[in-house]
Amino acid sequence: MSGCLITFEGGEGVGKSTQIKHLEQKLRNDGHDVLTTREPGGTPAAEKIRVLLSDPEHGGKWSDHAELLLMFVARAEHIKDVINPALNAGKVILCDRYIDSTRVYQGHLGNISFDFITTLEQHIIGQTVPHLTFLLDLSADEAMKRVHARGASDHYDHGDRAFYKKLRDGFLQIAAQEERIKTINGLQDEASIAAQIYTQAKEHLHEHV
């Protein structure tokens, strides 16, 4: 595979979608063939699973293991139909959430065995791991403030401060173990965050693509 998979991670309200748009435009201006996608989602079938996961009636009522398996069903299709073909075509893929979100939401928050999650990763993901990951980091209080300001869209948005703190701690724990993850202070202004992400992405692409 000759392309590059760049993922964006973080808790609720950290601004991932905004920063993906900034990086997409900058990389396109540099001449890169860029594909933006998201998880769960990215394919018609996976988008339907996304709707199921956040459905007003069923969202938040799935068992932890059912939610995890739905995530991996969507991911298997996403990898097969979108990510791997794009990598083989030499594209730069910008993905809003990927394996680290599963490790945190279903692992740290859902208390599912990391051994079980790792086994699923080995079979479903294989070698399709991110080349570079940006973790947008916010305090629990700031994350709650932003989510409440924008309005709740799914069951994750109704968490209390302990939920947001555990969410943040989970991401930071993974970031400390994974060299590919670059942690960005999400309290900075939008332009400063975008500039840091672009600089690091450009350096990575120059060295590895």
N, C-alpha and C. Protein backbone atom coordinates (compact mmCIF):
# COMPACT_ATOMS: atom_id res chain seq x y z
N MET A 1 0.83 -1.19 0.00
CA MET A 1 0.00 0.00 0.00
C MET A 1 0.87 1.24 0.00
N SER A 2 0.57 2.19 -0.86
CA SER A 2 1.43 3.35 -0.98
C SER A 2 0.79 4.63 -0.47
N GLY A 3 -0.45 4.55 -0.04
CA GLY A 3 -1.11 5.75 0.47
C GLY A 3 -0.80 5.98 1.93
N CYS A 4 -1.60 6.85 2.56
CA CYS A 4 -1.37 7.19 3.96
C CYS A 4 -2.71 7.34 4.67
N LEU A 5 -2.86 6.69 5.81
CA LEU A 5 -4.07 6.77 6.62
C LEU A 5 -3.81 7.64 7.83
N ILE A 6 -4.47 8.79 7.87
CA ILE A 6 -4.35 9.73 8.99
C ILE A 6 -5.69 9.76 9.70
N THR A 7 -5.69 9.47 10.99
CA THR A 7 -6.93 9.46 11.75
C THR A 7 -6.97 10.62 12.75
N PHE A 8 -8.19 11.03 13.05
CA PHE A 8 -8.43 12.10 14.03
C PHE A 8 -9.24 11.51 15.18
N GLU A 9 -8.74 11.70 16.39
CA GLU A 9 -9.39 11.11 17.56
C GLU A 9 -9.60 12.16 18.65
N GLY A 10 -10.40 11.78 19.63
CA GLY A 10 -10.69 12.66 20.75
C GLY A 10 -12.10 12.45 21.25
N GLY A 11 -12.39 13.04 22.39
CA GLY A 11 -13.71 12.92 22.97
C GLY A 11 -14.74 13.76 22.25
N GLU A 12 -15.87 13.95 22.90
CA GLU A 12 -16.95 14.72 22.30
C GLU A 12 -16.61 16.21 22.32
N GLY A 13 -16.94 16.91 21.23
CA GLY A 13 -16.81 18.36 21.19
C GLY A 13 -15.41 18.91 21.00
N VAL A 14 -14.46 18.07 20.57
CA VAL A 14 -13.07 18.55 20.47
C VAL A 14 -12.76 19.24 19.15
N GLY A 15 -13.64 19.12 18.14
CA GLY A 15 -13.42 19.84 16.88
C GLY A 15 -12.74 19.03 15.79
N LYS A 16 -12.89 17.72 15.82
CA LYS A 16 -12.24 16.87 14.81
C LYS A 16 -12.68 17.20 13.39
N SER A 17 -13.98 17.30 13.19
CA SER A 17 -14.52 17.54 11.84
C SER A 17 -14.01 18.85 11.26
N THR A 18 -13.94 19.87 12.08
CA THR A 18 -13.43 21.17 11.63
C THR A 18 -11.98 21.07 11.18
N GLN A 19 -11.17 20.38 11.96
CA GLN A 19 -9.75 20.27 11.63
C GLN A 19 -9.51 19.36 10.43
N ILE A 20 -10.34 18.38 10.23
CA ILE A 20 -10.22 17.54 9.04
C ILE A 20 -10.44 18.39 7.79
N LYS A 21 -11.41 19.27 7.82
CA LYS A 21 -11.68 20.13 6.67
C LYS A 21 -10.48 21.04 6.37
N HIS A 22 -9.89 21.58 7.42
CA HIS A 22 -8.71 22.45 7.23
C HIS A 22 -7.57 21.67 6.59
N LEU A 23 -7.28 20.48 7.12
CA LEU A 23 -6.16 19.70 6.60
C LEU A 23 -6.44 19.22 5.19
N GLU A 24 -7.66 18.83 4.93
CA GLU A 24 -8.03 18.38 3.58
C GLU A 24 -7.71 19.46 2.55
N GLN A 25 -8.13 20.69 2.83
CA GLN A 25 -7.90 21.77 1.88
C GLN A 25 -6.42 22.05 1.69
N LYS A 26 -5.67 22.07 2.77
CA LYS A 26 -4.24 22.35 2.67
C LYS A 26 -3.51 21.27 1.88
N LEU A 27 -3.85 20.02 2.13
CA LEU A 27 -3.18 18.92 1.41
C LEU A 27 -3.58 18.90 -0.06
N ARG A 28 -4.82 19.22 -0.35
CA ARG A 28 -5.23 19.32 -1.76
C ARG A 28 -4.46 20.43 -2.46
N ASN A 29 -4.27 21.54 -1.77
CA ASN A 29 -3.50 22.64 -2.35
C ASN A 29 -2.06 22.24 -2.62
N ASP A 30 -1.57 21.28 -1.85
CA ASP A 30 -0.20 20.77 -2.05
C ASP A 30 -0.13 19.71 -3.15
N GLY A 31 -1.28 19.36 -3.71
CA GLY A 31 -1.29 18.40 -4.80
C GLY A 31 -1.59 16.96 -4.41
N HIS A 32 -1.95 16.72 -3.15
CA HIS A 32 -2.26 15.36 -2.72
C HIS A 32 -3.69 14.97 -3.12
N ASP A 33 -3.86 13.71 -3.42
CA ASP A 33 -5.19 13.14 -3.67
C ASP A 33 -5.75 12.73 -2.32
N VAL A 34 -6.75 13.46 -1.83
CA VAL A 34 -7.24 13.29 -0.46
C VAL A 34 -8.65 12.72 -0.44
N LEU A 35 -8.85 11.76 0.45
CA LEU A 35 -10.18 11.19 0.69
C LEU A 35 -10.53 11.40 2.15
N THR A 36 -11.69 11.99 2.44
CA THR A 36 -12.15 12.12 3.82
C THR A 36 -13.27 11.11 4.06
N THR A 37 -13.26 10.53 5.26
CA THR A 37 -14.26 9.55 5.61
C THR A 37 -14.45 9.56 7.11
N ARG A 38 -15.30 8.66 7.62
CA ARG A 38 -15.55 8.66 9.06
C ARG A 38 -15.96 7.27 9.53
N GLU A 39 -15.86 7.10 10.85
CA GLU A 39 -16.33 5.87 11.48
C GLU A 39 -17.18 6.19 12.70
N PRO A 40 -18.20 5.36 12.98
CA PRO A 40 -18.69 4.34 12.06
C PRO A 40 -19.31 5.00 10.84
N GLY A 41 -19.11 4.39 9.69
CA GLY A 41 -19.63 4.94 8.44
C GLY A 41 -18.65 4.74 7.31
N GLY A 42 -18.80 5.56 6.29
CA GLY A 42 -17.88 5.51 5.16
C GLY A 42 -18.38 4.72 3.98
N THR A 43 -19.32 3.81 4.19
CA THR A 43 -19.98 3.06 3.11
C THR A 43 -21.48 3.13 3.37
N PRO A 44 -22.31 2.88 2.37
CA PRO A 44 -23.77 2.92 2.59
C PRO A 44 -24.22 1.99 3.73
N ALA A 45 -23.68 0.77 3.75
CA ALA A 45 -24.06 -0.17 4.81
C ALA A 45 -23.57 0.29 6.17
N ALA A 46 -22.33 0.78 6.23
CA ALA A 46 -21.77 1.24 7.49
C ALA A 46 -22.48 2.47 8.02
N GLU A 47 -22.96 3.33 7.12
CA GLU A 47 -23.72 4.51 7.55
C GLU A 47 -25.05 4.09 8.19
N LYS A 48 -25.64 3.01 7.69
CA LYS A 48 -26.87 2.51 8.30
C LYS A 48 -26.60 1.97 9.70
N ILE A 49 -25.45 1.36 9.88
CA ILE A 49 -25.07 0.90 11.22
C ILE A 49 -24.85 2.09 12.13
N ARG A 50 -24.29 3.16 11.61
CA ARG A 50 -24.10 4.38 12.41
C ARG A 50 -25.45 4.89 12.92
N VAL A 51 -26.45 4.86 12.04
CA VAL A 51 -27.79 5.30 12.44
C VAL A 51 -28.34 4.40 13.54
N LEU A 52 -28.12 3.10 13.41
CA LEU A 52 -28.58 2.18 14.45
C LEU A 52 -27.93 2.48 15.80
N LEU A 53 -26.64 2.78 15.78
CA LEU A 53 -25.91 3.02 17.02
C LEU A 53 -26.37 4.29 17.73
N SER A 54 -26.85 5.27 16.97
CA SER A 54 -27.30 6.53 17.58
C SER A 54 -28.81 6.72 17.50
N ASP A 55 -29.51 5.66 17.16
CA ASP A 55 -30.96 5.72 17.02
C ASP A 55 -31.61 6.19 18.32
N PRO A 56 -32.60 7.11 18.25
CA PRO A 56 -33.24 7.62 19.47
C PRO A 56 -33.85 6.52 20.34
N GLU A 57 -34.33 5.46 19.69
CA GLU A 57 -34.97 4.38 20.45
C GLU A 57 -33.95 3.37 20.97
N HIS A 58 -32.98 3.02 20.14
CA HIS A 58 -32.04 1.94 20.50
C HIS A 58 -30.68 2.45 20.96
N GLY A 59 -30.26 3.63 20.52
CA GLY A 59 -28.95 4.13 20.88
C GLY A 59 -28.78 4.23 22.39
N GLY A 60 -27.68 3.74 22.88
CA GLY A 60 -27.44 3.75 24.32
C GLY A 60 -28.01 2.54 25.03
N LYS A 61 -28.80 1.72 24.33
CA LYS A 61 -29.41 0.53 24.94
C LYS A 61 -28.72 -0.76 24.48
N TRP A 62 -27.83 -0.65 23.48
CA TRP A 62 -27.10 -1.83 23.06
C TRP A 62 -26.21 -2.29 24.22
N SER A 63 -26.03 -3.59 24.33
CA SER A 63 -25.03 -4.06 25.29
C SER A 63 -23.66 -3.63 24.79
N ASP A 64 -22.70 -3.58 25.69
CA ASP A 64 -21.35 -3.15 25.30
C ASP A 64 -20.78 -4.03 24.19
N HIS A 65 -20.99 -5.34 24.31
CA HIS A 65 -20.46 -6.24 23.29
C HIS A 65 -21.20 -6.11 21.96
N ALA A 66 -22.51 -5.88 22.02
CA ALA A 66 -23.27 -5.69 20.78
C ALA A 66 -22.79 -4.43 20.07
N GLU A 67 -22.58 -3.37 20.83
CA GLU A 67 -22.10 -2.12 20.24
C GLU A 67 -20.73 -2.30 19.62
N LEU A 68 -19.84 -3.02 20.32
CA LEU A 68 -18.51 -3.28 19.80
C LEU A 68 -18.57 -4.04 18.48
N LEU A 69 -19.39 -5.08 18.44
CA LEU A 69 -19.47 -5.90 17.23
C LEU A 69 -20.08 -5.12 16.07
N LEU A 70 -21.05 -4.27 16.34
CA LEU A 70 -21.60 -3.42 15.29
C LEU A 70 -20.52 -2.49 14.73
N MET A 71 -19.69 -1.96 15.61
CA MET A 71 -18.59 -1.10 15.17
C MET A 71 -17.66 -1.85 14.22
N PHE A 72 -17.36 -3.09 14.56
CA PHE A 72 -16.43 -3.85 13.73
C PHE A 72 -17.07 -4.35 12.45
N VAL A 73 -18.37 -4.59 12.46
CA VAL A 73 -19.05 -4.90 11.20
C VAL A 73 -18.93 -3.73 10.24
N ALA A 74 -19.21 -2.53 10.74
CA ALA A 74 -19.09 -1.33 9.92
C ALA A 74 -17.65 -1.13 9.46
N ARG A 75 -16.71 -1.37 10.36
CA ARG A 75 -15.29 -1.16 10.03
C ARG A 75 -14.79 -2.15 8.98
N ALA A 76 -15.24 -3.38 9.07
CA ALA A 76 -14.82 -4.38 8.09
C ALA A 76 -15.21 -3.96 6.68
N GLU A 77 -16.43 -3.45 6.52
CA GLU A 77 -16.89 -2.99 5.21
C GLU A 77 -16.14 -1.73 4.79
N HIS A 78 -15.89 -0.86 5.74
CA HIS A 78 -15.18 0.39 5.46
C HIS A 78 -13.77 0.12 4.95
N ILE A 79 -13.08 -0.79 5.63
CA ILE A 79 -11.72 -1.13 5.23
C ILE A 79 -11.70 -1.78 3.85
N LYS A 80 -12.61 -2.72 3.65
CA LYS A 80 -12.63 -3.48 2.39
C LYS A 80 -13.00 -2.61 1.20
N ASP A 81 -14.02 -1.77 1.36
CA ASP A 81 -14.56 -1.04 0.22
C ASP A 81 -14.00 0.37 0.03
N VAL A 82 -13.43 0.95 1.09
CA VAL A 82 -12.99 2.35 0.99
C VAL A 82 -11.51 2.51 1.33
N ILE A 83 -11.12 2.13 2.53
CA ILE A 83 -9.78 2.46 3.00
C ILE A 83 -8.69 1.74 2.23
N ASN A 84 -8.78 0.42 2.12
CA ASN A 84 -7.72 -0.31 1.41
C ASN A 84 -7.63 0.07 -0.07
N PRO A 85 -8.74 0.20 -0.79
CA PRO A 85 -8.64 0.65 -2.19
C PRO A 85 -8.00 2.02 -2.31
N ALA A 86 -8.32 2.92 -1.38
CA ALA A 86 -7.74 4.27 -1.43
C ALA A 86 -6.24 4.23 -1.13
N LEU A 87 -5.84 3.41 -0.19
CA LEU A 87 -4.41 3.26 0.11
C LEU A 87 -3.67 2.69 -1.09
N ASN A 88 -4.25 1.70 -1.71
CA ASN A 88 -3.62 1.09 -2.89
C ASN A 88 -3.52 2.07 -4.05
N ALA A 89 -4.41 3.04 -4.08
CA ALA A 89 -4.41 4.06 -5.13
C ALA A 89 -3.49 5.23 -4.79
N GLY A 90 -2.83 5.16 -3.63
CA GLY A 90 -1.88 6.21 -3.25
C GLY A 90 -2.51 7.45 -2.65
N LYS A 91 -3.72 7.36 -2.16
CA LYS A 91 -4.41 8.53 -1.62
C LYS A 91 -4.04 8.77 -0.15
N VAL A 92 -4.24 10.01 0.26
CA VAL A 92 -4.14 10.36 1.67
C VAL A 92 -5.56 10.31 2.23
N ILE A 93 -5.77 9.45 3.22
CA ILE A 93 -7.10 9.29 3.81
C ILE A 93 -7.14 10.00 5.15
N LEU A 94 -8.15 10.85 5.33
CA LEU A 94 -8.38 11.52 6.60
C LEU A 94 -9.65 10.93 7.19
N CYS A 95 -9.52 10.22 8.29
CA CYS A 95 -10.66 9.50 8.86
C CYS A 95 -11.02 10.05 10.24
N ASP A 96 -12.27 10.43 10.38
CA ASP A 96 -12.82 10.93 11.65
C ASP A 96 -13.19 9.73 12.52
N ARG A 97 -12.31 9.40 13.45
CA ARG A 97 -12.38 8.25 14.36
C ARG A 97 -11.97 6.96 13.64
N TYR A 98 -11.36 6.07 14.45
CA TYR A 98 -10.96 4.76 13.93
C TYR A 98 -10.72 3.85 15.14
N ILE A 99 -9.67 3.10 15.15
CA ILE A 99 -9.51 2.07 16.17
C ILE A 99 -9.35 2.62 17.59
N ASP A 100 -8.75 3.80 17.74
CA ASP A 100 -8.53 4.32 19.09
C ASP A 100 -9.85 4.68 19.77
N SER A 101 -10.82 5.15 19.01
CA SER A 101 -12.13 5.44 19.59
C SER A 101 -12.78 4.16 20.11
N THR A 102 -12.64 3.07 19.38
CA THR A 102 -13.19 1.80 19.84
C THR A 102 -12.50 1.35 21.11
N ARG A 103 -11.20 1.49 21.15
CA ARG A 103 -10.46 1.09 22.35
C ARG A 103 -10.91 1.89 23.57
N VAL A 104 -11.22 3.17 23.36
CA VAL A 104 -11.62 4.02 24.49
C VAL A 104 -13.09 3.84 24.83
N TYR A 105 -13.98 4.01 23.85
CA TYR A 105 -15.41 3.96 24.15
C TYR A 105 -15.87 2.58 24.58
N GLN A 106 -15.45 1.54 23.85
CA GLN A 106 -15.90 0.20 24.21
C GLN A 106 -14.97 -0.49 25.20
N GLY A 107 -13.70 -0.09 25.21
CA GLY A 107 -12.74 -0.67 26.14
C GLY A 107 -12.74 0.03 27.49
N HIS A 108 -12.25 1.28 27.50
CA HIS A 108 -12.16 2.02 28.76
C HIS A 108 -13.53 2.31 29.36
N LEU A 109 -14.48 2.74 28.54
CA LEU A 109 -15.80 3.08 29.06
C LEU A 109 -16.71 1.87 29.19
N GLY A 110 -16.64 0.95 28.22
CA GLY A 110 -17.51 -0.21 28.24
C GLY A 110 -16.96 -1.38 29.02
N ASN A 111 -15.71 -1.27 29.46
CA ASN A 111 -15.07 -2.32 30.26
C ASN A 111 -15.00 -3.67 29.55
N ILE A 112 -14.87 -3.62 28.22
CA ILE A 112 -14.67 -4.85 27.46
C ILE A 112 -13.18 -5.18 27.48
N SER A 113 -12.87 -6.44 27.59
CA SER A 113 -11.49 -6.90 27.64
C SER A 113 -10.68 -6.37 26.46
N PHE A 114 -9.53 -5.79 26.75
CA PHE A 114 -8.67 -5.31 25.67
C PHE A 114 -8.12 -6.48 24.85
N ASP A 115 -7.99 -7.63 25.47
CA ASP A 115 -7.55 -8.81 24.72
C ASP A 115 -8.58 -9.16 23.65
N PHE A 116 -9.86 -9.04 23.99
CA PHE A 116 -10.92 -9.34 23.03
C PHE A 116 -10.91 -8.32 21.90
N ILE A 117 -10.77 -7.05 22.25
CA ILE A 117 -10.72 -6.00 21.23
C ILE A 117 -9.50 -6.20 20.32
N THR A 118 -8.37 -6.54 20.92
CA THR A 118 -7.15 -6.77 20.13
C THR A 118 -7.33 -7.93 19.17
N THR A 119 -8.01 -8.98 19.63
CA THR A 119 -8.26 -10.13 18.75
C THR A 119 -9.09 -9.72 17.55
N LEU A 120 -10.13 -8.92 17.77
CA LEU A 120 -10.95 -8.43 16.67
C LEU A 120 -10.12 -7.57 15.72
N GLU A 121 -9.27 -6.72 16.28
CA GLU A 121 -8.41 -5.87 15.45
C GLU A 121 -7.51 -6.72 14.56
N GLN A 122 -6.94 -7.76 15.12
CA GLN A 122 -6.03 -8.61 14.34
C GLN A 122 -6.73 -9.24 13.16
N HIS A 123 -7.98 -9.64 13.35
CA HIS A 123 -8.72 -10.33 12.29
C HIS A 123 -9.38 -9.35 11.31
N ILE A 124 -9.89 -8.24 11.79
CA ILE A 124 -10.65 -7.31 10.94
C ILE A 124 -9.75 -6.23 10.33
N ILE A 125 -8.85 -5.70 11.12
CA ILE A 125 -8.01 -4.59 10.67
C ILE A 125 -6.73 -5.08 10.02
N GLY A 126 -6.12 -6.09 10.61
CA GLY A 126 -4.87 -6.60 10.06
C GLY A 126 -3.80 -5.52 10.01
N GLN A 127 -3.29 -5.26 8.81
CA GLN A 127 -2.22 -4.28 8.64
C GLN A 127 -2.75 -2.86 8.36
N THR A 128 -4.06 -2.70 8.32
CA THR A 128 -4.62 -1.38 7.99
C THR A 128 -4.72 -0.52 9.25
N VAL A 129 -3.55 -0.19 9.78
CA VAL A 129 -3.47 0.65 10.97
C VAL A 129 -3.10 2.07 10.55
N PRO A 130 -3.46 3.07 11.35
CA PRO A 130 -3.13 4.45 10.98
C PRO A 130 -1.62 4.67 10.91
N HIS A 131 -1.22 5.46 9.93
CA HIS A 131 0.19 5.87 9.85
C HIS A 131 0.46 7.05 10.79
N LEU A 132 -0.58 7.85 11.02
CA LEU A 132 -0.46 9.04 11.85
C LEU A 132 -1.83 9.33 12.45
N THR A 133 -1.85 9.70 13.73
CA THR A 133 -3.11 10.01 14.41
C THR A 133 -2.98 11.32 15.17
N PHE A 134 -3.97 12.17 15.01
CA PHE A 134 -4.02 13.42 15.78
C PHE A 134 -5.09 13.27 16.86
N LEU A 135 -4.68 13.43 18.11
CA LEU A 135 -5.59 13.39 19.24
C LEU A 135 -5.83 14.82 19.71
N LEU A 136 -7.05 15.28 19.55
CA LEU A 136 -7.42 16.61 20.02
C LEU A 136 -7.88 16.49 21.47
N ASP A 137 -7.16 17.13 22.35
CA ASP A 137 -7.36 16.93 23.79
C ASP A 137 -8.00 18.14 24.46
N LEU A 138 -9.05 17.88 25.24
CA LEU A 138 -9.73 18.91 26.02
C LEU A 138 -9.98 18.40 27.43
N SER A 139 -10.03 19.31 28.39
CA SER A 139 -10.40 18.93 29.75
C SER A 139 -11.85 18.48 29.76
N ALA A 140 -12.22 17.72 30.78
CA ALA A 140 -13.60 17.25 30.90
C ALA A 140 -14.57 18.42 30.98
N ASP A 141 -14.22 19.45 31.72
CA ASP A 141 -15.11 20.60 31.87
C ASP A 141 -15.33 21.33 30.56
N GLU A 142 -14.25 21.52 29.78
CA GLU A 142 -14.38 22.22 28.50
C GLU A 142 -15.16 21.38 27.50
N ALA A 143 -14.93 20.10 27.51
CA ALA A 143 -15.66 19.22 26.59
C ALA A 143 -17.16 19.27 26.88
N MET A 144 -17.52 19.19 28.15
CA MET A 144 -18.93 19.26 28.53
C MET A 144 -19.54 20.60 28.11
N LYS A 145 -18.80 21.65 28.32
CA LYS A 145 -19.28 22.99 27.96
C LYS A 145 -19.58 23.07 26.46
N ARG A 146 -18.69 22.57 25.65
CA ARG A 146 -18.87 22.63 24.20
C ARG A 146 -20.04 21.76 23.73
N VAL A 147 -20.15 20.56 24.31
CA VAL A 147 -21.23 19.66 23.91
C VAL A 147 -22.58 20.25 24.27
N HIS A 148 -22.68 20.82 25.45
CA HIS A 148 -23.94 21.43 25.86
C HIS A 148 -24.29 22.64 25.00
N ALA A 149 -23.27 23.36 24.56
CA ALA A 149 -23.50 24.54 23.73
C ALA A 149 -24.03 24.16 22.35
N ARG A 150 -23.56 23.05 21.80
CA ARG A 150 -23.98 22.65 20.46
C ARG A 150 -25.28 21.85 20.47
N GLY A 151 -25.62 21.28 21.63
CA GLY A 151 -26.81 20.46 21.72
C GLY A 151 -26.48 19.00 21.53
N ALA A 152 -27.13 18.14 22.28
CA ALA A 152 -26.86 16.71 22.23
C ALA A 152 -27.37 16.11 20.93
N SER A 153 -26.56 15.22 20.34
CA SER A 153 -26.95 14.53 19.11
C SER A 153 -27.10 13.03 19.31
N ASP A 154 -26.45 12.46 20.34
CA ASP A 154 -26.63 11.04 20.64
C ASP A 154 -26.40 10.80 22.13
N HIS A 155 -26.47 9.53 22.55
CA HIS A 155 -26.41 9.21 23.97
C HIS A 155 -25.07 9.56 24.61
N TYR A 156 -23.99 9.61 23.83
CA TYR A 156 -22.69 9.96 24.40
C TYR A 156 -22.66 11.40 24.88
N ASP A 157 -23.50 12.25 24.31
CA ASP A 157 -23.49 13.66 24.66
C ASP A 157 -24.14 13.95 26.01
N HIS A 158 -24.74 12.93 26.62
CA HIS A 158 -25.44 13.14 27.89
C HIS A 158 -24.61 12.70 29.10
N GLY A 159 -23.33 12.44 28.89
CA GLY A 159 -22.49 11.98 29.99
C GLY A 159 -22.23 13.08 31.02
N ASP A 160 -21.92 12.65 32.25
CA ASP A 160 -21.57 13.61 33.30
C ASP A 160 -20.07 13.87 33.27
N ARG A 161 -19.59 14.66 34.24
CA ARG A 161 -18.18 15.03 34.24
C ARG A 161 -17.28 13.80 34.38
N ALA A 162 -17.71 12.83 35.18
CA ALA A 162 -16.91 11.60 35.35
C ALA A 162 -16.77 10.86 34.02
N PHE A 163 -17.84 10.87 33.22
CA PHE A 163 -17.79 10.24 31.90
C PHE A 163 -16.74 10.91 31.02
N TYR A 164 -16.76 12.24 30.95
CA TYR A 164 -15.83 12.96 30.09
C TYR A 164 -14.39 12.84 30.59
N LYS A 165 -14.22 12.77 31.90
CA LYS A 165 -12.87 12.60 32.43
C LYS A 165 -12.33 11.21 32.08
N LYS A 166 -13.16 10.19 32.23
CA LYS A 166 -12.73 8.83 31.90
C LYS A 166 -12.44 8.71 30.41
N LEU A 167 -13.25 9.39 29.60
CA LEU A 167 -13.05 9.41 28.15
C LEU A 167 -11.69 10.01 27.81
N ARG A 168 -11.42 11.16 28.39
CA ARG A 168 -10.14 11.83 28.13
C ARG A 168 -8.97 10.98 28.62
N ASP A 169 -9.08 10.43 29.82
CA ASP A 169 -8.01 9.61 30.37
C ASP A 169 -7.71 8.42 29.48
N GLY A 170 -8.76 7.83 28.91
CA GLY A 170 -8.57 6.69 28.02
C GLY A 170 -7.76 7.04 26.79
N PHE A 171 -8.08 8.16 26.17
CA PHE A 171 -7.33 8.59 24.99
C PHE A 171 -5.88 8.92 25.34
N LEU A 172 -5.68 9.62 26.45
CA LEU A 172 -4.31 9.99 26.83
C LEU A 172 -3.48 8.76 27.17
N GLN A 173 -4.11 7.76 27.75
CA GLN A 173 -3.38 6.52 28.06
C GLN A 173 -2.90 5.83 26.79
N ILE A 174 -3.77 5.77 25.79
CA ILE A 174 -3.38 5.16 24.52
C ILE A 174 -2.29 5.99 23.83
N ALA A 175 -2.44 7.31 23.89
CA ALA A 175 -1.46 8.20 23.24
C ALA A 175 -0.07 8.01 23.84
N ALA A 176 -0.01 7.72 25.13
CA ALA A 176 1.28 7.52 25.79
C ALA A 176 1.95 6.23 25.34
N GLN A 177 1.17 5.32 24.75
CA GLN A 177 1.70 4.03 24.33
C GLN A 177 1.95 3.93 22.83
N GLU A 178 1.44 4.89 22.07
CA GLU A 178 1.50 4.80 20.61
C GLU A 178 2.26 6.00 20.03
N GLU A 179 3.39 5.72 19.42
CA GLU A 179 4.22 6.80 18.87
C GLU A 179 3.52 7.54 17.74
N ARG A 180 2.63 6.87 17.02
CA ARG A 180 1.95 7.50 15.88
C ARG A 180 0.99 8.60 16.30
N ILE A 181 0.61 8.62 17.58
CA ILE A 181 -0.39 9.58 18.05
C ILE A 181 0.26 10.88 18.48
N LYS A 182 -0.18 11.98 17.88
CA LYS A 182 0.30 13.31 18.23
C LYS A 182 -0.82 14.05 18.96
N THR A 183 -0.58 14.39 20.21
CA THR A 183 -1.60 15.04 21.02
C THR A 183 -1.55 16.55 20.82
N ILE A 184 -2.71 17.13 20.51
CA ILE A 184 -2.83 18.56 20.25
C ILE A 184 -3.72 19.19 21.31
N ASN A 185 -3.27 20.29 21.88
CA ASN A 185 -4.06 21.00 22.88
C ASN A 185 -5.28 21.64 22.21
N GLY A 186 -6.46 21.11 22.50
CA GLY A 186 -7.68 21.58 21.86
C GLY A 186 -8.19 22.91 22.37
N LEU A 187 -7.54 23.48 23.39
CA LEU A 187 -7.95 24.79 23.90
C LEU A 187 -7.41 25.94 23.06
N GLN A 188 -6.47 25.66 22.19
CA GLN A 188 -5.92 26.70 21.32
C GLN A 188 -6.97 27.16 20.31
N ASP A 189 -6.71 28.30 19.69
CA ASP A 189 -7.65 28.76 18.68
C ASP A 189 -7.58 27.86 17.45
N GLU A 190 -8.64 27.89 16.66
CA GLU A 190 -8.80 26.99 15.53
C GLU A 190 -7.65 27.07 14.54
N ALA A 191 -7.18 28.27 14.25
CA ALA A 191 -6.11 28.45 13.27
C ALA A 191 -4.79 27.86 13.77
N SER A 192 -4.51 28.04 15.06
CA SER A 192 -3.27 27.50 15.62
C SER A 192 -3.26 25.98 15.59
N ILE A 193 -4.39 25.39 15.91
CA ILE A 193 -4.50 23.93 15.87
C ILE A 193 -4.30 23.44 14.44
N ALA A 194 -4.96 24.11 13.49
CA ALA A 194 -4.86 23.71 12.09
C ALA A 194 -3.42 23.80 11.60
N ALA A 195 -2.70 24.84 12.02
CA ALA A 195 -1.31 25.03 11.59
C ALA A 195 -0.42 23.92 12.13
N GLN A 196 -0.61 23.53 13.39
CA GLN A 196 0.20 22.47 13.98
C GLN A 196 -0.07 21.13 13.28
N ILE A 197 -1.33 20.85 13.03
CA ILE A 197 -1.69 19.60 12.38
C ILE A 197 -1.10 19.54 10.97
N TYR A 198 -1.21 20.63 10.24
CA TYR A 198 -0.69 20.67 8.88
C TYR A 198 0.82 20.46 8.86
N THR A 199 1.52 21.12 9.77
CA THR A 199 2.98 21.00 9.82
C THR A 199 3.40 19.55 10.07
N GLN A 200 2.75 18.91 11.03
CA GLN A 200 3.13 17.54 11.35
C GLN A 200 2.71 16.56 10.25
N ALA A 201 1.55 16.80 9.64
CA ALA A 201 1.11 15.93 8.55
C ALA A 201 2.04 16.07 7.35
N LYS A 202 2.43 17.30 7.03
CA LYS A 202 3.32 17.53 5.90
C LYS A 202 4.67 16.87 6.12
N GLU A 203 5.20 16.96 7.33
CA GLU A 203 6.48 16.31 7.64
C GLU A 203 6.35 14.80 7.50
N HIS A 204 5.26 14.25 7.99
CA HIS A 204 5.08 12.79 7.89
C HIS A 204 4.97 12.35 6.44
N LEU A 205 4.21 13.07 5.65
CA LEU A 205 4.03 12.69 4.25
C LEU A 205 5.32 12.82 3.46
N HIS A 206 6.11 13.82 3.80
CA HIS A 206 7.40 14.03 3.15
C HIS A 206 8.35 12.86 3.44
N GLU A 207 8.28 12.35 4.66
CA GLU A 207 9.20 11.29 5.07
C GLU A 207 8.75 9.89 4.66
N HIS A 208 7.43 9.69 4.57
CA HIS A 208 6.94 8.31 4.45
C HIS A 208 6.16 8.02 3.18
N VAL A 209 5.75 9.01 2.45
CA VAL A 209 4.93 8.73 1.25
C VAL A 209 5.75 8.92 0.00
